[in-house]
C-alpha cells in the first residue's frame, strides 16, 4: 500500500511540476515602443545596449525575427510580403538594468505579443561553408590569439566590429573585421555576409579569440582569412536550423 501511495505522490508531483513549468511566464521586456519607420532611409541599425535594452532602427521585421532566433546567419522563411517591405523602430528595456538579461528570449516574447508571431524551427539541408584550420599542424595565423578578456555572459560575451569600404556598384572592395573574445562559431557568423551562405564551425577549436582580419582590392577576404588567421572555408551541404514563420500580424504602434 505504501508503495502505491509513494508512486501516486510521485505522479502527482511530476504533473504539478510540468504544469508549473508550462505556466511560468516567458522572459519579457517591461517597457517597449514600436513604430513604423516611414523615413525611406536605406540605413538601419541594431543596438544591444547595457542592461538588457535594445534599440532597433528602420529594421525589416524579418531581420528582427532573425535577431531573436540567433543572428545574421539564421535563415527566416515564410511570412507575408510586408515583413520585408515595412520598416520598424523598436525600443525595449527590462524593468531594472540586468547585464545577464536574456534579450533574445525577451524579443521573442515581444514579437509574439505585439506582432502575434507564430514560428517554429526546423532543419533543412542548405549549401554552406565549413570553417576549418588551414595548416596541417593546426597552427593559427599571426593575427589571431586566445583572448585575455574575462567572459561573464557566455552567449553575448565579446564583440565583433565590421567595417567595409565600397567598390564598384557599392560592393565591398576592402575592409576589416575585428573581434574580441569570439568563439570560432562566432567568427564563422561574421563571415556569413561575405560568403552569401552560412559558415559553420568545423575547426574543433574551443575557447575564445581576439583577431583582426584585413582585406582589400588585391587580396580577397578569404585569401586574407587563410594568410592572416590560418583558417579556411570549404563548400559543402549540411542540415541547418531554419526559422519558419507560420503567421504574423502588423503591430499596433505606440
Protein backbone atom coordinates (compact mmCIF):
# COMPACT_ATOMS: atom_id res chain seq x y z
CA UNK A 1 0.00 0.00 0.00
CA UNK A 2 2.82 2.41 0.92
CA UNK A 3 4.49 1.76 -2.45
CA UNK A 4 1.26 2.64 -4.24
CA UNK A 5 0.92 5.83 -2.20
CA UNK A 6 4.54 6.76 -2.99
CA UNK A 7 4.04 6.13 -6.70
CA UNK A 8 0.82 8.15 -6.77
CA UNK A 9 2.51 11.01 -4.95
CA UNK A 10 5.39 10.95 -7.42
CA UNK A 11 2.98 11.11 -10.37
CA UNK A 12 1.06 13.99 -8.80
CA UNK A 13 4.32 15.86 -8.14
CA UNK A 14 5.52 15.32 -11.72
CA UNK A 15 2.24 16.57 -13.15
CA UNK A 16 2.27 19.60 -10.88
CA UNK A 17 5.86 20.38 -11.86
CA UNK A 18 5.01 20.11 -15.56
CA UNK A 19 2.02 22.42 -15.09
CA UNK A 20 4.15 24.94 -13.21
CA UNK A 21 6.75 24.95 -15.98
CA UNK A 22 4.04 25.34 -18.62
CA UNK A 23 2.52 28.29 -16.75
CA UNK A 24 5.83 30.01 -15.98
CA UNK A 25 5.88 33.43 -17.65
CA UNK A 26 8.26 33.92 -20.54
CA UNK A 27 11.10 36.44 -20.14
CA UNK A 28 9.72 39.79 -21.30
CA UNK A 29 10.63 43.44 -21.58
CA UNK A 30 8.78 45.69 -19.17
CA UNK A 31 8.70 48.70 -21.49
CA UNK A 32 8.54 48.58 -25.30
CA UNK A 33 7.77 51.10 -28.04
CA UNK A 34 7.07 50.02 -31.62
CA UNK A 35 6.60 52.44 -34.51
CA UNK A 36 6.59 52.23 -38.30
CA UNK A 37 9.58 53.95 -39.84
CA UNK A 38 8.49 55.88 -42.94
CA UNK A 39 11.69 57.85 -43.49
CA UNK A 40 12.56 55.91 -46.68
CA UNK A 41 16.14 55.86 -45.42
CA UNK A 42 18.28 52.93 -46.56
CA UNK A 43 20.31 52.90 -43.33
CA UNK A 44 19.33 50.74 -40.39
CA UNK A 45 20.84 49.70 -37.09
CA UNK A 46 20.54 47.16 -34.31
CA UNK A 47 21.94 48.16 -30.95
CA UNK A 48 22.12 45.97 -27.88
CA UNK A 49 22.62 48.37 -25.01
CA UNK A 50 23.85 47.79 -21.45
CA UNK A 51 21.34 46.37 -19.01
CA UNK A 52 19.42 44.22 -21.50
CA UNK A 53 18.00 47.11 -23.55
CA UNK A 54 17.57 47.00 -27.33
CA UNK A 55 17.19 49.73 -29.94
CA UNK A 56 16.33 48.63 -33.49
CA UNK A 57 16.02 51.40 -36.07
CA UNK A 58 14.48 51.13 -39.57
CA UNK A 59 14.52 47.31 -39.48
CA UNK A 60 12.59 44.87 -41.64
CA UNK A 61 10.61 42.53 -39.41
CA UNK A 62 12.33 39.52 -40.97
CA UNK A 63 15.63 40.85 -39.63
CA UNK A 64 14.09 41.39 -36.19
CA UNK A 65 12.92 37.76 -36.16
CA UNK A 66 16.39 36.72 -37.29
CA UNK A 67 17.92 38.61 -34.36
CA UNK A 68 15.52 36.98 -31.90
CA UNK A 69 16.43 33.49 -33.07
CA UNK A 70 20.18 33.84 -33.18
CA UNK A 71 21.62 36.47 -35.51
CA UNK A 72 22.57 37.29 -39.07
CA UNK A 73 23.31 33.73 -40.18
CA UNK A 74 19.85 32.40 -39.29
CA UNK A 75 17.59 31.89 -42.31
CA UNK A 76 14.00 33.04 -41.83
CA UNK A 77 11.45 31.81 -44.40
CA UNK A 78 7.74 32.38 -44.96
CA UNK A 79 5.59 35.30 -43.94
CA UNK A 80 3.69 37.95 -45.92
CA UNK A 81 5.44 40.46 -48.16
CA UNK A 82 5.14 43.36 -45.71
CA UNK A 83 7.71 41.83 -43.33
CA UNK A 84 10.32 42.74 -45.96
CA UNK A 85 8.69 45.95 -47.22
CA UNK A 86 7.75 47.72 -43.98
CA UNK A 87 10.36 49.13 -41.63
CA UNK A 88 10.11 49.35 -37.84
CA UNK A 89 11.68 51.17 -34.92
CA UNK A 90 11.68 49.07 -31.74
CA UNK A 91 12.95 50.26 -28.36
CA UNK A 92 12.57 47.98 -25.33
CA UNK A 93 14.02 47.55 -21.86
CA UNK A 94 13.57 45.40 -18.74
CA UNK A 95 12.36 46.97 -15.50
CA UNK A 96 15.83 47.01 -14.00
CA UNK A 97 19.19 47.02 -15.74
CA UNK A 98 20.48 43.46 -15.91
CA UNK A 99 23.62 42.60 -17.94
CA UNK A 100 22.53 38.94 -17.89
CA UNK A 101 19.06 39.64 -19.29
CA UNK A 102 18.11 37.09 -21.98
CA UNK A 103 17.27 39.77 -24.54
CA UNK A 104 16.72 37.29 -27.40
CA UNK A 105 14.07 35.43 -25.41
CA UNK A 106 12.50 38.74 -24.38
CA UNK A 107 12.47 39.82 -28.02
CA UNK A 108 10.70 36.57 -28.98
CA UNK A 109 8.06 37.33 -26.36
CA UNK A 110 7.68 40.86 -27.72
CA UNK A 111 7.22 39.52 -31.26
CA UNK A 112 4.63 37.00 -30.07
CA UNK A 113 2.71 39.60 -28.05
CA UNK A 114 2.81 42.59 -30.39
CA UNK A 115 3.15 41.03 -33.85
CA UNK A 116 1.26 37.83 -32.98
CA UNK A 117 4.23 35.90 -34.35
CA UNK A 118 3.86 32.13 -34.59
CA UNK A 119 7.03 30.44 -35.79
CA UNK A 120 8.89 27.18 -35.47
CA UNK A 121 12.42 25.95 -36.11
CA UNK A 122 13.13 23.02 -38.40
CA UNK A 123 16.20 21.61 -40.08
CA UNK A 124 16.66 21.89 -43.84
CA UNK A 125 19.64 20.98 -45.97
CA UNK A 126 21.37 24.04 -47.37
CA UNK A 127 24.61 24.94 -49.20
CA UNK A 128 27.06 26.07 -46.53
CA UNK A 129 30.73 26.75 -45.99
CA UNK A 130 32.68 24.85 -43.34
CA UNK A 131 35.25 26.81 -41.34
CA UNK A 132 38.38 24.69 -40.80
CA UNK A 133 42.02 25.12 -39.77
CA UNK A 134 44.12 25.68 -42.89
CA UNK A 135 47.50 24.30 -41.81
CA UNK A 136 48.20 20.57 -41.33
CA UNK A 137 49.92 21.34 -38.00
CA UNK A 138 46.75 23.23 -36.93
CA UNK A 139 48.67 26.39 -36.05
CA UNK A 140 46.68 29.59 -36.41
CA UNK A 141 47.89 32.78 -38.05
CA UNK A 142 49.65 35.74 -36.51
CA UNK A 143 46.51 37.92 -36.39
CA UNK A 144 44.52 35.72 -34.02
CA UNK A 145 45.27 34.67 -30.44
CA UNK A 146 43.42 33.37 -27.36
CA UNK A 147 41.63 36.21 -25.63
CA UNK A 148 42.57 37.61 -22.26
CA UNK A 149 39.15 39.19 -21.86
CA UNK A 150 37.15 37.63 -18.99
CA UNK A 151 33.68 36.50 -20.02
CA UNK A 152 30.80 36.51 -17.57
CA UNK A 153 28.00 36.14 -20.11
CA UNK A 154 28.50 33.01 -22.15
CA UNK A 155 26.20 33.88 -25.04
CA UNK A 156 26.94 37.57 -25.60
CA UNK A 157 30.48 37.93 -24.30
CA UNK A 158 32.87 39.88 -26.51
CA UNK A 159 32.19 41.89 -29.65
CA UNK A 160 32.71 42.00 -33.40
CA UNK A 161 33.29 45.19 -35.37
CA UNK A 162 32.97 45.06 -39.18
CA UNK A 163 33.99 47.98 -41.40
CA UNK A 164 33.99 47.89 -45.20
CA UNK A 165 34.86 50.30 -47.98
CA UNK A 166 32.76 50.44 -51.15
CA UNK A 167 33.91 49.40 -54.60
CA UNK A 168 32.14 49.40 -57.97
CA UNK A 169 28.33 49.25 -57.70
CA UNK A 170 28.67 49.55 -53.92
CA UNK A 171 30.25 46.12 -53.46
CA UNK A 172 32.75 45.91 -50.56
CA UNK A 173 36.23 46.40 -52.03
CA UNK A 174 38.04 46.03 -48.75
CA UNK A 175 37.51 46.02 -45.06
CA UNK A 176 38.41 44.98 -41.56
CA UNK A 177 36.79 42.61 -39.09
CA UNK A 178 37.98 42.93 -35.51
CA UNK A 179 36.78 40.52 -32.88
CA UNK A 180 37.23 40.36 -29.11
CA UNK A 181 36.54 37.17 -27.16
CA UNK A 182 34.89 35.45 -30.13
CA UNK A 183 34.31 31.72 -30.45
CA UNK A 184 35.08 30.00 -33.74
CA UNK A 185 31.34 29.71 -34.35
CA UNK A 186 31.01 33.49 -33.93
CA UNK A 187 33.95 34.09 -36.28
CA UNK A 188 32.12 31.96 -38.84
CA UNK A 189 28.97 34.05 -38.38
CA UNK A 190 30.90 37.26 -39.04
CA UNK A 191 31.92 35.82 -42.43
CA UNK A 192 28.39 34.82 -43.45
CA UNK A 193 27.50 38.15 -45.05
CA UNK A 194 30.56 37.95 -47.30
CA UNK A 195 30.13 34.27 -48.19
CA UNK A 196 26.40 34.53 -49.11
CA UNK A 197 25.72 31.36 -47.14
CA UNK A 198 26.12 30.14 -43.58
CA UNK A 199 29.64 29.46 -42.35
CA UNK A 200 29.64 26.60 -39.84
CA UNK A 201 32.46 25.97 -37.40
CA UNK A 202 34.26 22.69 -38.02
CA UNK A 203 37.64 23.71 -36.58
CA UNK A 204 37.28 21.67 -33.40
CA UNK A 205 38.84 24.59 -31.50
CA UNK A 206 37.37 25.55 -28.14
CA UNK A 207 37.76 28.82 -26.28
CA UNK A 208 37.55 32.45 -27.41
CA UNK A 209 39.86 34.50 -29.56
CA UNK A 210 40.84 38.07 -30.37
CA UNK A 211 41.51 38.65 -34.06
CA UNK A 212 41.86 41.22 -36.81
CA UNK A 213 41.16 40.33 -40.43
CA UNK A 214 42.02 42.83 -43.19
CA UNK A 215 41.47 42.57 -46.93
CA UNK A 216 41.47 44.90 -49.92
CA UNK A 217 41.35 45.20 -53.72
CA UNK A 218 44.39 42.98 -54.20
CA UNK A 219 43.55 40.37 -51.53
CA UNK A 220 40.10 38.79 -51.10
CA UNK A 221 38.63 38.30 -47.66
CA UNK A 222 39.00 34.52 -47.97
CA UNK A 223 42.65 34.70 -49.03
CA UNK A 224 43.26 37.00 -46.08
CA UNK A 225 41.39 34.57 -43.84
CA UNK A 226 43.91 31.87 -44.64
CA UNK A 227 47.02 34.07 -44.62
CA UNK A 228 46.23 36.13 -41.52
CA UNK A 229 44.14 33.83 -39.32
CA UNK A 230 45.21 30.40 -40.55
CA UNK A 231 41.59 29.46 -41.29
CA UNK A 232 39.79 28.46 -44.48
CA UNK A 233 36.28 27.73 -45.71
CA UNK A 234 35.19 24.79 -47.86
CA UNK A 235 31.89 24.44 -49.72
CA UNK A 236 29.52 21.71 -48.52
CA UNK A 237 25.87 20.92 -47.86
CA UNK A 238 24.56 20.40 -44.35
CA UNK A 239 21.31 20.43 -42.36
CA UNK A 240 20.88 23.78 -40.61
CA UNK A 241 18.21 25.33 -38.41
CA UNK A 242 15.70 27.42 -40.35
CA UNK A 243 13.05 29.63 -38.72
CA UNK A 244 9.68 29.17 -40.43
CA UNK A 245 7.08 31.90 -39.96
CA UNK A 246 3.63 30.31 -39.65
CA UNK A 247 1.69 33.53 -39.10
CA UNK A 248 2.29 37.16 -38.17
CA UNK A 249 0.35 40.44 -37.95
CA UNK A 250 1.30 44.09 -38.07
CA UNK A 251 1.78 45.53 -34.61
CA UNK A 252 -0.27 48.43 -33.30
CA UNK A 253 2.05 51.40 -32.95
CA UNK A 254 2.56 53.18 -29.63
